[in-house]
């Protein structure tokens, strides 16, 4: 529990449970380290003088028990708090004691969360929008686990439907040396698959496919070939993501839903709830009654389910397995969100699903957009990007902006090894902490190191940002924004560099050197764990 939470626990019984206690950092240092307007909010409801009520709150807090210098009432009823050095020394000691566990909390109360991300069709290599989603989704899972959620990463494999048949058609066309259909898959990877599948020659050489392929493929059809190819592509996607340090707890196949009859069960449930009707020989979901712009066809007049029905079934499956579902979807899925939210509302799961739209990525080289990939057709693949700039830079760059904001990925900056490259800047800060402690004559701090010499402004400012680690993680998890950690780590690096310039670690008075070495060690611990949550390595040397 951090200082804000401890102070809130003391004030909340006086204020009442319905009054929020929100602590902010004043813009001017002469106004203290923390401030709250809770007394002003409560006094309006209670008919009290806000300054008098604020003074009562100040009087019930024991400064010494909380490591505070003083508390004051300011302005119309603000409670301002000045934190003493002793409290910050305790922060350093706590970091040294907890190590990589520092920053963990029970914010999530063990709630079960499924974060579904990437979920690219198994019809080709992963593109850079999927790469961005992978970095965000994986980091979100890491952050939520750190914040006390029971979070699981899931990849939904669309291994059924028209795109699988089109993949089969594209492979046959490549194998025959013919043009791929306009709505097929045109990348060089299709030719690679055609060569890899021994069974393709049967399609090419024999006219009666059903007769000659019976018993040789699970499904003697174009869709059967497409499924085999999709399996190969899924393996490649998995290998690329593993290289990217992205790992899934489950690869959930759409075919599992169909095998279990889940789409029909979802339809039956919607019928029971009077949420569907028939028109023009089709079955329509009453989306407009549940927040969608219009009603949607879920069974066509030919009797085939549209994509929406198995998707509804999939989210019902999730609802049986978790308390919160988070979907990361591509920029072409804005309309889809209302459709799925409406379906879940009809089924009694109104607040179950949260959707993050991951916006487009533009690769830049020499200020110009990079557009083409020979292997994949009209896209650049994640694998190619990793080959060029590496995992650390790729993940970090994709986490620099909110998902709702399009991102320009500067390849020239990504390759630069200087403070202009933000990931290099943060990684170098961690390297600096390790380098200082490796120097000859460097102190060896431990849990018994006396920390009272840490009183310089640069020392305290560094500790203040380290103290915010747990809260930053908790807020990032609650907002589903792991990107917040990026700015936080860069601020740690900035304050560490100021500390390094103003406070010598080696060659000072022994007590001062020991205390500063302990602060350096604590800073390295937080930087390393923060980078881990982003899926980025914390090098010992650079």
Protein backbone atom coordinates (compact mmCIF):
# COMPACT_ATOMS: atom_id res chain seq x y z
CA UNK A 1 0.00 0.00 0.00
CA UNK A 2 1.51 3.35 -1.02
CA UNK A 3 1.38 6.62 0.90
CA UNK A 4 -1.69 7.94 -0.92
CA UNK A 5 -3.63 4.78 -0.12
CA UNK A 6 -2.57 4.85 3.53
CA UNK A 7 -3.59 8.49 3.93
CA UNK A 8 -6.89 7.80 2.18
CA UNK A 9 -7.62 4.95 4.60
CA UNK A 10 -7.33 7.41 7.49
CA UNK A 11 -9.47 10.13 5.90
CA UNK A 12 -12.19 8.00 4.30
CA UNK A 13 -14.14 7.20 7.53
CA UNK A 14 -14.40 10.93 8.30
CA UNK A 15 -15.36 11.92 4.76
CA UNK A 16 -17.76 9.07 4.10
CA UNK A 17 -17.39 6.23 1.62
CA UNK A 18 -19.11 8.17 -1.17
CA UNK A 19 -16.53 10.98 -1.20
CA UNK A 20 -13.57 10.27 -3.49
CA UNK A 21 -10.14 11.12 -2.14
CA UNK A 22 -8.02 12.09 -5.11
CA UNK A 23 -4.41 13.08 -4.53
CA UNK A 24 -2.60 15.28 -7.03
CA UNK A 25 0.94 16.65 -7.23
CA UNK A 26 0.90 20.46 -6.93
CA UNK A 27 2.48 22.41 -9.77
CA UNK A 28 4.59 24.50 -7.36
CA UNK A 29 6.88 22.89 -4.80
CA UNK A 30 5.92 25.47 -2.16
CA UNK A 31 2.43 23.90 -2.18
CA UNK A 32 3.79 20.55 -0.99
CA UNK A 33 4.23 17.10 -2.51
CA UNK A 34 0.58 16.01 -2.46
CA UNK A 35 -2.76 17.80 -2.31
CA UNK A 36 -6.45 16.84 -2.12
CA UNK A 37 -9.70 18.79 -2.36
CA UNK A 38 -11.73 16.06 -0.63
CA UNK A 39 -12.66 18.37 2.27
CA UNK A 40 -14.13 20.90 -0.17
CA UNK A 41 -16.25 18.22 -1.87
CA UNK A 42 -17.47 16.74 1.42
CA UNK A 43 -18.22 20.12 3.04
CA UNK A 44 -20.77 20.94 0.34
CA UNK A 45 -22.72 17.78 1.11
CA UNK A 46 -22.35 18.15 4.86
CA UNK A 47 -23.01 21.89 5.04
CA UNK A 48 -19.64 22.52 6.69
CA UNK A 49 -17.09 25.29 6.38
CA UNK A 50 -14.52 23.74 3.98
CA UNK A 51 -11.43 25.20 5.65
CA UNK A 52 -12.56 24.11 9.11
CA UNK A 53 -13.36 20.65 7.83
CA UNK A 54 -9.98 20.47 6.07
CA UNK A 55 -8.28 21.36 9.38
CA UNK A 56 -10.07 18.46 11.09
CA UNK A 57 -8.66 16.12 8.46
CA UNK A 58 -5.16 17.53 9.01
CA UNK A 59 -5.47 17.08 12.77
CA UNK A 60 -6.25 13.35 12.60
CA UNK A 61 -3.09 12.51 10.64
CA UNK A 62 0.08 11.82 12.62
CA UNK A 63 2.93 13.19 10.44
CA UNK A 64 5.61 11.10 12.13
CA UNK A 65 3.70 7.85 11.57
CA UNK A 66 3.57 8.54 7.86
CA UNK A 67 7.05 10.04 7.42
CA UNK A 68 5.65 13.50 6.70
CA UNK A 69 7.26 16.88 7.38
CA UNK A 70 3.97 18.74 7.76
CA UNK A 71 0.36 19.14 6.60
CA UNK A 72 -1.41 22.44 5.97
CA UNK A 73 -4.78 23.78 4.92
CA UNK A 74 -4.48 26.01 1.87
CA UNK A 75 -6.81 28.23 -0.13
CA UNK A 76 -10.53 27.45 0.10
CA UNK A 77 -9.93 24.05 1.72
CA UNK A 78 -7.12 22.09 0.11
CA UNK A 79 -5.09 19.71 2.29
CA UNK A 80 -1.44 20.00 1.28
CA UNK A 81 1.14 17.43 2.38
CA UNK A 82 4.92 17.71 2.58
CA UNK A 83 6.67 14.34 2.58
CA UNK A 84 9.82 13.97 4.68
CA UNK A 85 13.09 12.34 3.56
CA UNK A 86 12.50 9.47 5.98
CA UNK A 87 9.52 8.29 3.97
CA UNK A 88 11.55 8.28 0.76
CA UNK A 89 14.34 6.36 2.45
CA UNK A 90 11.74 3.72 3.24
CA UNK A 91 10.84 3.57 -0.44
CA UNK A 92 14.42 2.72 -1.37
CA UNK A 93 14.58 0.06 1.32
CA UNK A 94 11.30 -1.44 0.14
CA UNK A 95 12.62 -1.70 -3.42
CA UNK A 96 15.77 -3.45 -2.21
CA UNK A 97 13.70 -5.84 -0.09
CA UNK A 98 11.13 -6.76 -2.75
CA UNK A 99 13.35 -6.73 -5.84
CA UNK A 100 11.43 -7.55 -9.00
CA UNK A 101 8.22 -7.90 -6.93
CA UNK A 102 8.28 -4.18 -6.19
CA UNK A 103 5.36 -2.47 -7.91
CA UNK A 104 3.04 -5.47 -7.62
CA UNK A 105 -0.40 -4.83 -6.15
CA UNK A 106 -3.80 -6.42 -5.57
CA UNK A 107 -5.65 -3.79 -7.60
CA UNK A 108 -7.24 -6.43 -9.82
CA UNK A 109 -8.44 -8.56 -6.89
CA UNK A 110 -7.78 -11.70 -8.90
CA UNK A 111 -10.41 -10.89 -11.55
CA UNK A 112 -10.17 -13.25 -14.52
CA UNK A 113 -9.33 -11.41 -17.73
CA UNK A 114 -8.93 -12.71 -21.27
CA UNK A 115 -6.99 -10.36 -23.52
CA UNK A 116 -7.50 -11.39 -27.13
CA UNK A 117 -5.10 -9.81 -29.56
CA UNK A 118 -3.48 -10.23 -32.95
CA UNK A 119 -5.97 -12.96 -34.03
CA UNK A 120 -4.81 -12.46 -37.61
CA UNK A 121 -6.38 -14.64 -40.27
CA UNK A 122 -4.15 -17.69 -40.92
CA UNK A 123 -3.81 -16.68 -44.55
CA UNK A 124 -0.45 -14.91 -44.53
CA UNK A 125 2.43 -13.48 -42.48
CA UNK A 126 1.79 -10.99 -39.69
CA UNK A 127 1.75 -7.37 -40.80
CA UNK A 128 2.88 -4.32 -38.84
CA UNK A 129 -0.58 -3.48 -37.47
CA UNK A 130 -0.67 -7.00 -36.00
CA UNK A 131 2.85 -6.33 -34.72
CA UNK A 132 1.65 -3.23 -32.91
CA UNK A 133 -1.33 -5.12 -31.46
CA UNK A 134 1.00 -7.91 -30.32
CA UNK A 135 3.28 -5.51 -28.43
CA UNK A 136 0.35 -3.74 -26.77
CA UNK A 137 -1.61 -6.90 -25.96
CA UNK A 138 1.34 -8.81 -24.52
CA UNK A 139 2.43 -5.84 -22.39
CA UNK A 140 -1.14 -5.32 -21.21
CA UNK A 141 -1.27 -8.93 -20.00
CA UNK A 142 2.06 -8.49 -18.17
CA UNK A 143 0.91 -5.23 -16.56
CA UNK A 144 -2.46 -6.64 -15.50
CA UNK A 145 -0.81 -9.66 -13.89
CA UNK A 146 1.53 -7.31 -12.03
CA UNK A 147 -1.52 -5.37 -10.83
CA UNK A 148 -3.21 -8.45 -9.41
CA UNK A 149 -5.45 -9.59 -12.26
CA UNK A 150 -5.61 -13.22 -13.37
CA UNK A 151 -4.92 -12.28 -16.99
CA UNK A 152 -4.67 -14.68 -19.93
CA UNK A 153 -3.47 -14.02 -23.48
CA UNK A 154 -5.55 -15.54 -26.27
CA UNK A 155 -5.23 -15.75 -30.07
CA UNK A 156 -8.44 -16.49 -32.00
CA UNK A 157 -7.63 -18.51 -35.12
CA UNK A 158 -10.17 -17.97 -37.92
CA UNK A 159 -9.64 -21.40 -39.44
CA UNK A 160 -13.10 -21.59 -41.02
CA UNK A 161 -15.00 -19.61 -43.61
CA UNK A 162 -14.53 -18.13 -47.06
CA UNK A 163 -10.98 -16.90 -46.53
CA UNK A 164 -9.79 -20.48 -46.01
CA UNK A 165 -11.32 -21.58 -49.32
CA UNK A 166 -9.76 -18.55 -51.06
CA UNK A 167 -6.38 -19.55 -49.62
CA UNK A 168 -6.81 -23.02 -51.12
CA UNK A 169 -7.71 -21.51 -54.50
CA UNK A 170 -4.66 -19.21 -54.35
CA UNK A 171 -2.31 -22.10 -53.60
CA UNK A 172 -3.63 -24.17 -56.50
CA UNK A 173 -3.30 -21.22 -58.87
CA UNK A 174 0.32 -20.71 -57.79
CA UNK A 175 1.08 -24.40 -58.13
CA UNK A 176 -0.33 -24.40 -61.68
CA UNK A 177 1.53 -21.23 -62.61
CA UNK A 178 -1.77 -19.41 -63.12
CA UNK A 179 -2.92 -15.99 -61.97
CA UNK A 180 -4.24 -15.86 -58.43
CA UNK A 181 -7.93 -14.80 -58.28
CA UNK A 182 -8.46 -11.09 -57.61
CA UNK A 183 -9.87 -11.81 -54.16
CA UNK A 184 -7.13 -14.36 -53.40
CA UNK A 185 -3.76 -14.08 -51.66
CA UNK A 186 -0.94 -12.77 -53.83
CA UNK A 187 2.22 -12.81 -51.74
CA UNK A 188 5.26 -14.94 -52.50
CA UNK A 189 4.53 -16.88 -49.31
CA UNK A 190 1.62 -18.56 -51.17
CA UNK A 191 4.08 -19.98 -53.69
CA UNK A 192 6.23 -21.22 -50.80
CA UNK A 193 3.26 -23.03 -49.30
CA UNK A 194 2.34 -24.53 -52.66
CA UNK A 195 5.82 -26.05 -52.85
CA UNK A 196 5.69 -27.23 -49.25
CA UNK A 197 2.44 -29.15 -49.53
CA UNK A 198 3.09 -32.47 -51.25
CA UNK A 199 -0.63 -32.92 -51.66
CA UNK A 200 -0.87 -29.91 -53.96
CA UNK A 201 0.37 -31.97 -56.91
CA UNK A 202 -2.74 -34.12 -56.58
CA UNK A 203 -4.89 -31.05 -57.09
CA UNK A 204 -2.79 -29.98 -60.06
CA UNK A 205 -2.46 -33.33 -61.84
CA UNK A 206 -5.83 -35.04 -61.23
CA UNK A 207 -9.14 -33.85 -62.55
CA UNK A 208 -11.52 -35.60 -60.19
CA UNK A 209 -10.37 -34.18 -56.85
CA UNK A 210 -12.97 -35.84 -54.66
CA UNK A 211 -12.24 -39.30 -56.05
CA UNK A 212 -8.45 -39.12 -55.85
CA UNK A 213 -8.12 -37.22 -52.59
CA UNK A 214 -10.56 -39.28 -50.56
CA UNK A 215 -8.61 -40.65 -47.61
CA UNK A 216 -5.56 -38.50 -48.35
CA UNK A 217 -6.80 -35.24 -46.81
CA UNK A 218 -9.13 -34.59 -43.88
CA UNK A 219 -11.43 -32.73 -46.28
CA UNK A 220 -11.11 -33.53 -50.04
CA UNK A 221 -11.87 -29.96 -51.08
CA UNK A 222 -10.39 -26.53 -51.57
CA UNK A 223 -11.29 -25.75 -47.98
CA UNK A 224 -9.40 -28.85 -46.85
CA UNK A 225 -6.28 -27.65 -48.65
CA UNK A 226 -6.84 -24.19 -47.24
CA UNK A 227 -6.98 -25.61 -43.71
CA UNK A 228 -3.70 -27.46 -44.21
CA UNK A 229 -2.10 -24.26 -45.47
CA UNK A 230 -3.66 -22.26 -42.63
CA UNK A 231 -2.08 -24.71 -40.19
CA UNK A 232 1.35 -24.07 -41.67
CA UNK A 233 0.81 -20.32 -41.57
CA UNK A 234 -0.37 -20.47 -37.96
CA UNK A 235 2.82 -22.30 -37.00
CA UNK A 236 4.88 -19.61 -38.73
CA UNK A 237 2.88 -16.87 -36.99
CA UNK A 238 3.47 -18.57 -33.64
CA UNK A 239 7.22 -18.82 -34.27
CA UNK A 240 7.43 -15.16 -35.28
CA UNK A 241 5.49 -14.08 -32.21
CA UNK A 242 7.69 -16.20 -29.96
CA UNK A 243 10.73 -14.49 -31.43
CA UNK A 244 8.91 -11.21 -30.64
CA UNK A 245 8.62 -12.36 -26.99
CA UNK A 246 4.84 -12.67 -27.32
CA UNK A 247 3.34 -15.86 -25.91
CA UNK A 248 -0.29 -16.95 -25.78
CA UNK A 249 -1.92 -19.06 -23.11
CA UNK A 250 -4.38 -20.38 -25.67
CA UNK A 251 -4.77 -20.53 -29.43
CA UNK A 252 -8.54 -20.82 -29.77
CA UNK A 253 -9.66 -22.16 -33.17
CA UNK A 254 -12.96 -21.10 -34.69
CA UNK A 255 -13.40 -24.70 -35.82
CA UNK A 256 -13.66 -25.66 -32.11
CA UNK A 257 -16.84 -23.59 -31.90
CA UNK A 258 -18.39 -25.29 -34.92
CA UNK A 259 -17.36 -28.75 -33.72
CA UNK A 260 -19.12 -28.08 -30.41
CA UNK A 261 -22.23 -26.60 -31.97
CA UNK A 262 -21.65 -23.29 -30.19
CA UNK A 263 -23.03 -21.03 -32.98
CA UNK A 264 -26.32 -22.94 -32.92
CA UNK A 265 -26.42 -22.70 -29.13
CA UNK A 266 -25.91 -18.93 -29.37
CA UNK A 267 -28.71 -18.68 -31.93
CA UNK A 268 -31.02 -20.74 -29.73
CA UNK A 269 -30.28 -18.47 -26.78
CA UNK A 270 -31.02 -15.35 -28.85
CA UNK A 271 -34.31 -16.92 -29.93
CA UNK A 272 -35.22 -17.62 -26.30
CA UNK A 273 -34.61 -13.96 -25.50
CA UNK A 274 -36.71 -12.82 -28.47
CA UNK A 275 -33.63 -11.02 -29.83
CA UNK A 276 -33.94 -12.31 -33.41
CA UNK A 277 -36.58 -12.40 -36.13
CA UNK A 278 -36.95 -13.78 -39.66
CA UNK A 279 -37.27 -11.67 -42.80
CA UNK A 280 -36.62 -12.52 -46.46
CA UNK A 281 -35.81 -16.12 -45.47
CA UNK A 282 -32.91 -14.83 -43.31
CA UNK A 283 -32.49 -14.60 -39.53
CA UNK A 284 -31.82 -11.09 -38.21
CA UNK A 285 -30.45 -10.01 -34.83
CA UNK A 286 -32.38 -7.07 -33.33
CA UNK A 287 -29.23 -5.01 -32.93
CA UNK A 288 -31.03 -1.68 -33.10
CA UNK A 289 -32.87 -2.52 -29.87
CA UNK A 290 -29.57 -3.00 -28.02
CA UNK A 291 -27.46 -0.05 -29.17
CA UNK A 292 -26.37 -1.00 -32.69
CA UNK A 293 -27.13 1.29 -35.63
CA UNK A 294 -29.25 -1.34 -37.38
CA UNK A 295 -30.34 -4.96 -37.26
CA UNK A 296 -27.87 -7.55 -38.61
CA UNK A 297 -28.25 -10.77 -40.57
CA UNK A 298 -26.80 -13.72 -38.65
CA UNK A 299 -28.21 -16.53 -40.86
CA UNK A 300 -28.41 -15.88 -44.61
CA UNK A 301 -31.34 -16.89 -46.81
CA UNK A 302 -29.17 -19.84 -47.95
CA UNK A 303 -29.03 -21.05 -44.35
CA UNK A 304 -25.35 -20.15 -43.74
CA UNK A 305 -24.25 -18.23 -40.63
CA UNK A 306 -22.61 -14.85 -41.20
CA UNK A 307 -19.33 -14.08 -39.43
CA UNK A 308 -21.28 -12.40 -36.60
CA UNK A 309 -22.90 -15.57 -35.23
CA UNK A 310 -19.68 -17.55 -34.51
CA UNK A 311 -18.17 -14.36 -33.08
CA UNK A 312 -21.11 -14.06 -30.69
CA UNK A 313 -20.65 -17.72 -29.78
CA UNK A 314 -16.94 -17.11 -29.15
CA UNK A 315 -17.64 -14.24 -26.75
CA UNK A 316 -20.22 -16.33 -24.93
CA UNK A 317 -17.50 -18.95 -24.56
CA UNK A 318 -15.25 -16.27 -23.07
CA UNK A 319 -17.98 -15.23 -20.66
CA UNK A 320 -17.90 -18.74 -19.20
CA UNK A 321 -14.16 -18.46 -18.63
CA UNK A 322 -13.52 -14.90 -17.41
CA UNK A 323 -14.94 -11.80 -15.73
CA UNK A 324 -13.57 -9.26 -18.22
CA UNK A 325 -12.88 -9.66 -21.93
CA UNK A 326 -10.56 -7.24 -23.72
CA UNK A 327 -10.35 -7.37 -27.52
CA UNK A 328 -7.66 -5.58 -29.51
CA UNK A 329 -8.99 -5.04 -33.03
CA UNK A 330 -7.64 -3.46 -36.19
CA UNK A 331 -8.57 -0.02 -37.55
CA UNK A 332 -11.19 -1.48 -39.91
CA UNK A 333 -13.29 -2.84 -37.02
CA UNK A 334 -14.97 0.33 -35.69
CA UNK A 335 -18.45 -0.77 -36.79
CA UNK A 336 -17.89 -4.25 -35.39
CA UNK A 337 -17.64 -2.94 -31.82
CA UNK A 338 -21.26 -1.76 -31.63
CA UNK A 339 -22.48 -5.00 -33.17
CA UNK A 340 -20.75 -7.20 -30.61
CA UNK A 341 -21.57 -4.93 -27.67
CA UNK A 342 -25.25 -5.03 -28.71
CA UNK A 343 -25.23 -8.83 -28.95
CA UNK A 344 -23.63 -9.20 -25.53
CA UNK A 345 -26.10 -6.72 -24.04
CA UNK A 346 -28.97 -8.82 -25.43
CA UNK A 347 -27.40 -11.90 -23.84
CA UNK A 348 -26.99 -10.28 -20.42
CA UNK A 349 -23.29 -9.40 -20.61
CA UNK A 350 -23.53 -5.63 -21.10
CA UNK A 351 -20.36 -4.59 -19.22
CA UNK A 352 -18.32 -7.65 -20.09
CA UNK A 353 -16.38 -6.55 -23.19
CA UNK A 354 -13.85 -3.76 -23.61
CA UNK A 355 -12.49 -3.09 -27.10
CA UNK A 356 -9.28 -1.31 -28.06
CA UNK A 357 -8.95 -0.25 -31.68
CA UNK A 358 -5.31 -0.43 -32.77
CA UNK A 359 -4.73 2.24 -35.38
CA UNK A 360 -2.58 2.13 -38.49
CA UNK A 361 1.21 2.09 -38.58
CA UNK A 362 3.28 3.91 -41.19
CA UNK A 363 6.90 2.88 -41.63
CA UNK A 364 9.18 5.80 -42.53
CA UNK A 365 12.64 5.74 -44.10
CA UNK A 366 14.36 9.02 -44.99
CA UNK A 367 11.04 10.67 -44.22
CA UNK A 368 9.18 8.61 -46.85
CA UNK A 369 6.69 5.81 -46.30
CA UNK A 370 7.84 2.22 -46.88
CA UNK A 371 5.06 0.36 -48.68
CA UNK A 372 6.16 -2.94 -50.24
CA UNK A 373 7.27 -6.38 -49.19
CA UNK A 374 8.23 -8.89 -51.88
CA UNK A 375 7.34 -11.90 -49.78
CA UNK A 376 3.95 -10.76 -48.52
CA UNK A 377 2.52 -8.67 -51.32
CA UNK A 378 1.20 -5.25 -50.37
CA UNK A 379 2.54 -5.15 -46.82
CA UNK A 380 5.67 -5.20 -44.65
CA UNK A 381 5.79 -8.17 -42.29
CA UNK A 382 6.65 -8.32 -38.60
CA UNK A 383 9.45 -10.77 -39.38
CA UNK A 384 11.05 -8.33 -41.82
CA UNK A 385 10.80 -5.52 -39.28
CA UNK A 386 12.47 -7.63 -36.60
CA UNK A 387 15.25 -8.53 -39.03
CA UNK A 388 15.95 -4.85 -39.60
CA UNK A 389 15.62 -3.20 -36.19
CA UNK A 390 15.33 -5.99 -33.60
CA UNK A 391 12.79 -6.93 -30.95
CA UNK A 392 13.52 -4.27 -28.32
CA UNK A 393 13.16 -1.28 -30.60
CA UNK A 394 10.12 -2.71 -32.37
CA UNK A 395 8.19 -3.37 -29.18
CA UNK A 396 9.16 -0.09 -27.54
CA UNK A 397 8.29 2.04 -30.57
CA UNK A 398 4.88 0.39 -30.90
CA UNK A 399 4.18 1.22 -27.25
CA UNK A 400 4.92 4.92 -27.51
CA UNK A 401 1.43 6.04 -28.52
CA UNK A 402 -2.13 5.29 -27.49
CA UNK A 403 -3.81 2.58 -29.54
CA UNK A 404 -6.30 5.13 -30.85
CA UNK A 405 -3.52 7.19 -32.44
CA UNK A 406 -1.91 6.29 -35.80
CA UNK A 407 1.81 5.71 -35.40
CA UNK A 408 4.75 6.73 -37.58
CA UNK A 409 7.57 4.22 -37.10
CA UNK A 410 10.84 5.96 -38.03
CA UNK A 411 13.25 3.25 -39.18
CA UNK A 412 16.21 5.64 -39.22
CA UNK A 413 15.60 6.65 -35.59
CA UNK A 414 15.06 3.00 -34.65
CA UNK A 415 18.59 2.15 -35.79
CA UNK A 416 20.22 5.14 -34.11
CA UNK A 417 22.26 4.45 -30.98
CA UNK A 418 22.00 7.77 -29.18
CA UNK A 419 19.84 9.59 -26.67
CA UNK A 420 17.58 10.57 -29.58
CA UNK A 421 16.39 6.95 -29.70
CA UNK A 422 14.05 6.61 -26.68
CA UNK A 423 14.57 2.88 -26.13
CA UNK A 424 18.34 3.35 -26.26
CA UNK A 425 17.96 6.21 -23.73
CA UNK A 426 16.07 4.07 -21.22
CA UNK A 427 18.19 0.96 -21.73
CA UNK A 428 21.35 3.04 -21.32
CA UNK A 429 19.97 4.33 -18.00
CA UNK A 430 19.74 0.74 -16.76
CA UNK A 431 23.21 0.00 -18.08
CA UNK A 432 24.51 3.05 -16.22
CA UNK A 433 23.16 1.70 -12.90
CA UNK A 434 24.97 -1.58 -13.50
CA UNK A 435 28.15 0.16 -14.64
CA UNK A 436 28.35 2.36 -11.54
CA UNK A 437 28.11 -0.62 -9.22
CA UNK A 438 30.71 -2.58 -11.24
CA UNK A 439 33.37 0.09 -10.84
CA UNK A 440 36.40 -0.60 -8.70
CA UNK A 441 35.77 0.66 -5.19
CA UNK A 442 32.01 0.83 -5.64
CA UNK A 443 30.03 0.14 -2.44
CA UNK A 444 28.04 -3.07 -2.10
CA UNK A 445 24.68 -1.89 -0.71
CA UNK A 446 22.38 -4.26 1.16
CA UNK A 447 19.23 -4.10 3.26
CA UNK A 448 21.21 -2.73 6.22
CA UNK A 449 22.69 0.23 4.35
CA UNK A 450 21.99 3.50 6.16
CA UNK A 451 19.95 5.74 3.85
CA UNK A 452 19.66 8.93 5.93
CA UNK A 453 22.42 10.69 3.90
CA UNK A 454 20.03 10.84 0.93
CA UNK A 455 18.86 14.44 1.23
CA UNK A 456 20.03 16.16 -1.98
CA UNK A 457 17.21 17.40 -4.25
CA UNK A 458 18.37 15.19 -7.12
CA UNK A 459 18.32 12.15 -4.85
CA UNK A 460 14.83 12.82 -3.52
CA UNK A 461 13.43 13.64 -6.97
CA UNK A 462 14.69 10.29 -8.24
CA UNK A 463 13.14 8.44 -5.29
CA UNK A 464 9.83 10.25 -5.82
CA UNK A 465 9.46 8.84 -9.34
CA UNK A 466 10.48 5.33 -8.18
CA UNK A 467 7.76 5.51 -5.53
CA UNK A 468 5.15 5.94 -8.29
CA UNK A 469 5.89 2.56 -9.91
CA UNK A 470 3.06 0.62 -8.28
CA UNK A 471 0.49 3.33 -8.94
CA UNK A 472 1.61 3.71 -12.55
CA UNK A 473 1.18 -0.02 -13.11
CA UNK A 474 -2.23 -0.08 -11.42
CA UNK A 475 -3.51 2.89 -13.44
CA UNK A 476 -2.10 1.41 -16.64
CA UNK A 477 -3.93 -1.85 -15.96
CA UNK A 478 -7.21 -0.15 -15.12
CA UNK A 479 -7.07 2.04 -18.23
CA UNK A 480 -5.84 -0.82 -20.43
CA UNK A 481 -2.92 1.39 -21.44
CA UNK A 482 0.50 -0.21 -20.93
CA UNK A 483 1.85 2.71 -22.98
CA UNK A 484 1.81 4.81 -19.80
CA UNK A 485 4.88 2.90 -18.65
CA UNK A 486 6.92 4.28 -21.55
CA UNK A 487 6.73 7.89 -20.39
CA UNK A 488 7.25 6.78 -16.80
CA UNK A 489 10.48 4.91 -17.58
CA UNK A 490 11.77 7.81 -19.65
CA UNK A 491 11.20 10.12 -16.68
CA UNK A 492 13.16 7.74 -14.42
CA UNK A 493 16.00 7.79 -16.96
CA UNK A 494 15.88 11.58 -17.07
CA UNK A 495 16.05 11.92 -13.28
CA UNK A 496 18.78 9.30 -13.03
CA UNK A 497 20.95 11.24 -15.46
CA UNK A 498 20.42 14.44 -13.41
CA UNK A 499 21.32 12.54 -10.25
CA UNK A 500 24.43 11.13 -11.94
CA UNK A 501 25.56 14.61 -12.94
CA UNK A 502 25.05 16.12 -9.49
CA UNK A 503 25.80 13.31 -7.03
CA UNK A 504 29.02 11.30 -7.14
CA UNK A 505 28.66 7.73 -5.91
CA UNK A 506 32.32 6.73 -5.64
CA UNK A 507 34.88 8.87 -3.86
CA UNK A 508 32.50 10.57 -1.42
CA UNK A 509 32.17 10.09 2.31
CA UNK A 510 31.61 6.39 2.94
CA UNK A 511 28.12 6.83 4.37
CA UNK A 512 27.09 9.02 1.42
CA UNK A 513 28.59 6.63 -1.13
CA UNK A 514 26.85 3.66 0.44
CA UNK A 515 23.46 5.39 0.46
CA UNK A 516 23.82 6.60 -3.12
CA UNK A 517 24.88 3.14 -4.27
CA UNK A 518 21.71 1.76 -2.67
CA UNK A 519 19.66 4.34 -4.61
CA UNK A 520 21.40 3.38 -7.85
CA UNK A 521 20.70 -0.31 -7.20
CA UNK A 522 17.02 0.45 -6.49
CA UNK A 523 16.74 2.51 -9.67
CA UNK A 524 18.17 -0.35 -11.71
CA UNK A 525 15.63 -2.76 -10.19
CA UNK A 526 12.69 -0.57 -11.21
CA UNK A 527 14.05 0.11 -14.69
CA UNK A 528 14.65 -3.58 -15.33
CA UNK A 529 11.18 -4.60 -14.17
CA UNK A 530 9.55 -1.77 -16.09
CA UNK A 531 11.32 -2.78 -19.30
CA UNK A 532 10.31 -6.40 -18.68
CA UNK A 533 6.66 -5.34 -18.56
CA UNK A 534 7.16 -3.79 -21.99
CA UNK A 535 8.84 -6.97 -23.26
CA UNK A 536 12.16 -5.12 -23.66
CA UNK A 537 15.50 -6.37 -22.38
CA UNK A 538 17.50 -4.50 -19.75
CA UNK A 539 21.13 -4.94 -20.86
CA UNK A 540 24.01 -5.07 -18.40
CA UNK A 541 26.35 -3.42 -20.92
CA UNK A 542 25.90 -1.39 -24.09
